Every structure is written in C-alpha cells, then in structure tokens.
Amino acid sequence: MKSAQIKTWYVYLLQCENDMLYCGSTNDLERRYAQHCAGKGAKFTKINRPLELLAYREFPDRSAACKVEAQLKKMPKHRKITWLKKDG
C-alpha cells in the first residue's frame, strides 16, 4: 500500500510591472513562478509581468493556503507589504 505523500502548499507574492503585487497559491512554487514568467500563469500576470518573487509562506494543505490567499488578496498594498515583513 502506498503512503500518501503530503505536499506543502505555498502562498506567494510577486512584484510585477506597473508597481503591482500579485498573490497566489500553489503546491509547486518553482513551476508556478516559471508559468507566470512565461505569461501562462494567470490573466493578471499576462498583463503585469512578474519581476521577482517577493515572499512566500508554507502551509500544510491547500485549504489553509487558499484561506490566507483570499485574505491577502483583499488587503491594500501597504498591508501586503506588512505581511511580507512578518515572521512566518
């Protein structure tokens, strides 16, 4: 019997063109960032190309990551910057 592999989920912030921030979640951060850079990640990052990965945080499962992502997306930019500076 195979043991279930536990995947870490990530919530991340990208610095994009036009001084915009993008927030997302994934269980494969490297692959997802490459998709964004190639213009295939999300509609937002097709228009506002990512310049760098600013920060990410790890979560034990998709549900936890999605909750934090939803909260972060509702925040104004200055609060997202504060989130960046906090310890995980």
Protein backbone atom coordinates (compact mmCIF):
# COMPACT_ATOMS: atom_id res chain seq x y z
CA MET A 1 0.00 0.00 0.00
CA LYS A 2 1.37 3.42 -0.96
CA SER A 3 1.65 6.04 1.72
CA ALA A 4 0.01 9.32 0.85
CA GLN A 5 2.60 11.94 0.03
CA ILE A 6 1.94 15.15 1.90
CA LYS A 7 2.53 18.21 -0.25
CA THR A 8 3.38 21.57 1.16
CA TRP A 9 1.30 24.44 -0.17
CA TYR A 10 2.60 27.98 -0.58
CA VAL A 11 1.07 31.44 -0.64
CA TYR A 12 3.33 33.83 -2.52
CA LEU A 13 3.63 37.46 -3.54
CA LEU A 14 5.12 38.62 -6.81
CA GLN A 15 6.38 42.10 -7.63
CA CYS A 16 5.03 42.84 -11.09
CA GLU A 17 5.39 45.55 -13.68
CA ASN A 18 3.43 48.75 -13.09
CA ASP A 19 4.36 48.54 -9.37
CA MET A 20 1.65 45.91 -8.83
CA LEU A 21 1.66 42.95 -6.45
CA TYR A 22 0.21 39.55 -7.30
CA CYS A 23 -0.79 36.96 -4.72
CA GLY A 24 -1.26 33.28 -5.47
CA SER A 25 -1.08 29.79 -4.02
CA THR A 26 0.45 26.57 -5.31
CA ASN A 27 1.99 23.29 -4.26
CA ASP A 28 4.89 23.73 -6.73
CA LEU A 29 6.32 27.21 -6.31
CA GLU A 30 9.13 26.89 -8.84
CA ARG A 31 6.83 25.60 -11.61
CA ARG A 32 4.16 28.21 -10.90
CA TYR A 33 6.64 31.09 -10.93
CA ALA A 34 8.01 29.86 -14.27
CA GLN A 35 4.45 29.79 -15.63
CA HIS A 36 3.86 33.38 -14.52
CA CYS A 37 7.15 34.49 -16.11
CA ALA A 38 6.19 32.77 -19.37
CA GLY A 39 2.85 34.61 -19.44
CA LYS A 40 0.90 31.42 -18.78
CA GLY A 41 0.26 31.69 -15.05
CA ALA A 42 -2.76 33.97 -14.71
CA LYS A 43 -4.56 36.69 -16.60
CA PHE A 44 -3.17 39.32 -14.21
CA THR A 45 0.46 38.29 -14.77
CA LYS A 46 -0.01 38.19 -18.54
CA ILE A 47 -0.76 41.91 -18.36
CA ASN A 48 1.54 42.81 -15.44
CA ARG A 49 4.61 40.62 -15.94
CA PRO A 50 6.32 39.41 -12.77
CA LEU A 51 9.68 40.96 -11.94
CA GLU A 52 10.52 38.93 -8.83
CA LEU A 53 9.19 36.59 -6.18
CA LEU A 54 8.99 38.81 -3.08
CA ALA A 55 7.97 36.29 -0.46
CA TYR A 56 6.23 33.05 0.23
CA ARG A 57 4.87 31.19 3.21
CA GLU A 58 4.35 27.46 3.64
CA PHE A 59 1.05 25.86 4.65
CA PRO A 60 0.18 22.26 5.50
CA ASP A 61 -2.61 21.91 2.97
CA ARG A 62 -4.50 23.56 0.13
CA SER A 63 -7.37 24.68 2.32
CA ALA A 64 -5.14 26.65 4.69
CA ALA A 65 -3.22 28.23 1.79
CA CYS A 66 -6.41 29.23 -0.04
CA LYS A 67 -7.83 30.89 3.08
CA VAL A 68 -4.72 33.01 3.55
CA GLU A 69 -4.55 33.80 -0.18
CA ALA A 70 -8.16 35.03 -0.14
CA GLN A 71 -7.46 37.24 2.88
CA LEU A 72 -4.28 38.62 1.33
CA LYS A 73 -5.98 39.47 -1.96
CA LYS A 74 -8.47 41.66 -0.10
CA MET A 75 -5.72 43.68 1.60
CA PRO A 76 -4.47 47.01 0.31
CA LYS A 77 -0.89 47.09 -0.90
CA HIS A 78 0.55 48.56 2.31
CA ARG A 79 -0.92 45.68 4.35
CA LYS A 80 0.53 43.14 1.91
CA ILE A 81 3.93 44.75 2.45
CA THR A 82 3.42 44.40 6.21
CA TRP A 83 2.56 40.71 5.68
CA LEU A 84 5.87 40.35 3.83
CA LYS A 85 7.83 41.69 6.78
CA LYS A 86 6.19 39.50 9.43
CA ASP A 87 7.82 36.27 10.50
CA GLY A 88 6.07 33.21 9.08
